[in-house]
Protein backbone atom coordinates (compact mmCIF):
# COMPACT_ATOMS: atom_id res chain seq x y z
CA MET A 1 -1.03 -14.78 -7.33
CA PHE A 2 -0.73 -12.24 -4.53
CA LYS A 3 3.04 -11.82 -4.84
CA PRO A 4 3.09 -10.99 -8.59
CA PHE A 5 0.25 -8.54 -7.96
CA PHE A 6 2.18 -7.07 -5.05
CA ILE A 7 5.32 -6.61 -7.17
CA CYS A 8 3.34 -4.96 -9.99
CA ASP A 9 1.52 -2.74 -7.49
CA PHE A 10 4.79 -1.69 -5.88
CA LEU A 11 6.51 -0.94 -9.20
CA PHE A 12 3.58 0.89 -10.77
CA PHE A 13 2.70 3.17 -7.88
CA THR A 14 6.33 3.91 -7.06
CA TRP A 15 6.90 4.93 -10.68
CA PHE A 16 3.58 6.80 -10.84
CA PHE A 17 4.13 8.82 -7.66
CA ASN A 18 7.76 9.53 -8.56
CA LYS A 19 6.63 10.84 -11.95
CA PHE A 20 4.44 13.51 -10.35
CA ARG A 21 6.45 14.21 -7.23
CA SER A 22 10.19 13.61 -7.30
CA PHE A 23 11.41 11.53 -4.37
CA PRO A 24 14.06 12.91 -2.02
CA ASN A 25 17.16 10.79 -1.41
CA TRP A 26 15.85 9.23 1.82
CA LEU A 27 12.70 8.00 0.04
CA LYS A 28 14.69 6.67 -2.92
CA THR A 29 16.90 4.73 -0.50
CA LEU A 30 13.84 3.42 1.35
CA THR A 31 12.27 2.40 -1.98
CA PHE A 32 15.35 0.41 -3.02
CA ILE A 33 15.46 -1.30 0.38
CA TYR A 34 11.81 -2.31 0.13
CA PHE A 35 12.19 -3.45 -3.46
CA GLY A 36 15.11 -5.63 -2.35
CA LEU A 37 12.93 -7.01 0.44
CA ILE A 38 10.20 -7.89 -2.07
CA LEU A 39 12.69 -9.63 -4.36
CA PHE A 40 14.21 -11.52 -1.44
CA ASP A 41 10.77 -12.71 -0.36
CA CYS A 42 9.90 -13.87 -3.87
CA LEU A 43 13.17 -15.74 -4.30
CA ASP A 44 12.84 -17.23 -0.83
CA SER A 45 9.32 -18.51 -1.35
CA TRP A 46 9.58 -19.54 -5.01
CA PHE A 47 12.99 -21.25 -5.07
CA TRP A 48 14.13 -22.16 -1.58
CA HIS A 49 10.76 -22.59 0.16
CA THR A 50 12.15 -21.53 3.50
CA SER A 51 10.85 -18.95 5.87
CA PHE A 52 13.25 -16.75 7.79
CA TYR A 53 10.47 -14.53 9.08
CA SER A 54 6.75 -14.37 9.75
CA PRO A 55 4.81 -13.46 6.58
CA SER A 56 2.46 -11.17 8.52
CA ILE A 57 5.41 -9.16 9.87
CA TYR A 58 6.79 -8.93 6.34
CA PHE A 59 3.50 -7.55 5.02
CA ILE A 60 3.17 -5.11 7.91
CA VAL A 61 6.62 -3.70 7.13
CA LEU A 62 5.77 -3.35 3.43
CA PHE A 63 2.39 -1.81 4.16
CA LEU A 64 4.19 0.73 6.33
CA TYR A 65 6.24 1.67 3.25
CA PHE A 66 3.06 2.18 1.22
CA ILE A 67 1.63 4.32 4.02
CA ILE A 68 4.80 6.45 4.19
CA LEU A 69 4.84 6.86 0.40
CA SER A 70 1.16 7.82 0.23
CA PHE A 71 1.51 10.23 3.14
CA TYR A 72 4.53 11.87 1.46
CA VAL A 73 2.58 12.37 -1.78
CA ILE A 74 -0.45 13.75 0.08
CA ILE A 75 1.64 16.28 1.99
CA GLY A 76 3.33 17.33 -1.26
CA SER A 77 -0.03 17.69 -3.02
CA LEU A 78 -1.50 20.00 -0.41
CA ASP A 79 0.45 23.00 -1.72
CA ASP A 80 -1.81 23.00 -4.78
CA TRP A 81 -4.42 25.78 -4.97
CA ALA A 82 -7.28 23.32 -5.35
CA PRO A 83 -6.23 20.10 -3.61
CA VAL A 84 -9.70 18.56 -3.95
CA GLN A 85 -9.38 18.76 -7.75
CA ASN A 86 -5.93 17.17 -7.74
CA PRO A 87 -6.21 13.54 -8.99
CA ILE A 88 -2.86 12.58 -7.46
CA LEU A 89 -4.14 13.61 -4.03
CA TRP A 90 -7.19 11.37 -4.45
CA ILE A 91 -5.10 8.41 -5.60
CA ALA A 92 -2.58 8.79 -2.76
CA SER A 93 -5.41 9.23 -0.23
CA ALA A 94 -7.15 6.11 -1.53
CA ARG A 95 -3.98 4.07 -1.11
CA LEU A 96 -3.34 5.53 2.34
CA ILE A 97 -6.83 4.65 3.55
CA TYR A 98 -6.68 1.17 1.98
CA TYR A 99 -3.34 0.28 3.54
CA LEU A 100 -4.35 1.70 6.91
CA PHE A 101 -7.33 -0.67 6.85
CA VAL A 102 -5.24 -3.61 5.64
CA ILE A 103 -2.42 -3.09 8.14
CA VAL A 104 -5.02 -3.39 10.90
CA ILE A 105 -6.01 -6.79 9.49
CA TYR A 106 -2.45 -8.12 9.38
CA ALA A 107 -1.44 -6.62 12.70
CA TYR A 108 -4.53 -8.12 14.33
CA SER A 109 -3.92 -11.56 12.85
CA SER A 110 -0.26 -11.63 13.83
CA ILE A 111 -0.82 -10.75 17.50
CA SER A 112 -4.06 -12.59 18.21
CA PHE A 113 -4.33 -16.08 19.61
CA PHE A 114 -4.71 -18.90 17.08
CA ASN A 115 -8.14 -20.20 18.20
CA PHE A 116 -9.57 -16.72 18.63
CA ASN A 117 -8.12 -15.80 15.25
CA ASN A 118 -9.82 -18.70 13.45
CA ASN A 119 -13.28 -17.94 14.84
CA LEU A 120 -13.47 -14.21 14.19
CA PHE A 121 -10.78 -13.39 11.69
CA GLY A 122 -12.38 -14.96 8.59
CA GLU A 123 -15.49 -12.80 8.73
CA ALA A 124 -13.68 -9.70 9.97
CA PHE A 125 -11.09 -10.00 7.20
CA ALA A 126 -13.76 -10.21 4.50
CA ILE A 127 -15.70 -7.23 5.87
CA ILE A 128 -12.71 -4.97 6.50
CA ASN A 129 -11.02 -5.82 3.21
CA GLY A 130 -14.28 -5.38 1.29
CA VAL A 131 -14.95 -1.96 2.82
CA ALA A 132 -11.35 -0.91 2.16
CA ASN A 133 -11.57 -2.02 -1.48
CA VAL A 134 -14.85 -0.17 -2.06
CA LEU A 135 -13.44 3.03 -0.50
CA CYS A 136 -10.19 2.77 -2.42
CA ASN A 137 -11.84 2.14 -5.78
CA SER A 138 -14.43 4.88 -5.18
CA MET A 139 -11.64 7.36 -4.53
CA PHE A 140 -9.83 6.15 -7.65
CA GLY A 141 -13.07 6.86 -9.53
CA ILE A 142 -13.25 10.37 -8.05
CA SER A 143 -9.70 11.00 -9.30
CA PHE A 144 -10.94 10.42 -12.86
CA LEU A 145 -13.51 13.19 -12.37
CA CYS A 146 -10.88 15.76 -11.40
CA LYS A 147 -9.89 18.51 -13.76
CA ARG A 148 -6.82 17.51 -15.71
CA VAL A 149 -3.83 19.81 -15.41
CA GLN A 150 -1.73 20.37 -18.52
CA VAL A 151 1.87 19.33 -17.85
């Protein structure tokens, strides 16, 4: 169920951020490359059941895209007169913080030793992911409280 969620998450937030802040050509190209990577992974795992790469490396690369996208939207939102009241800034910040937490989880699991990973990673994953989800969803909630700008 994670991959369909991941595809929907990618498509929705790419569309959502592009709606409010038009992407430059380099980010459009990067977006198409990452979308192709997602489709390749889905086809690879659903139909051929082979693995040409480590899944944790794949997720780290995709999380880096989400971090770049969120950072780009945050920088673009700072030119607003009241950035704290900008809901897009809160949403992009929530995603940036969430994926910074999550990339630590996947980077840690991919470079740690197998036995050490089994003993500590289960509890650490649950705690870090839980804290990241609470922060992300709280910031999404704050974005609903922001003053709406007429477009």
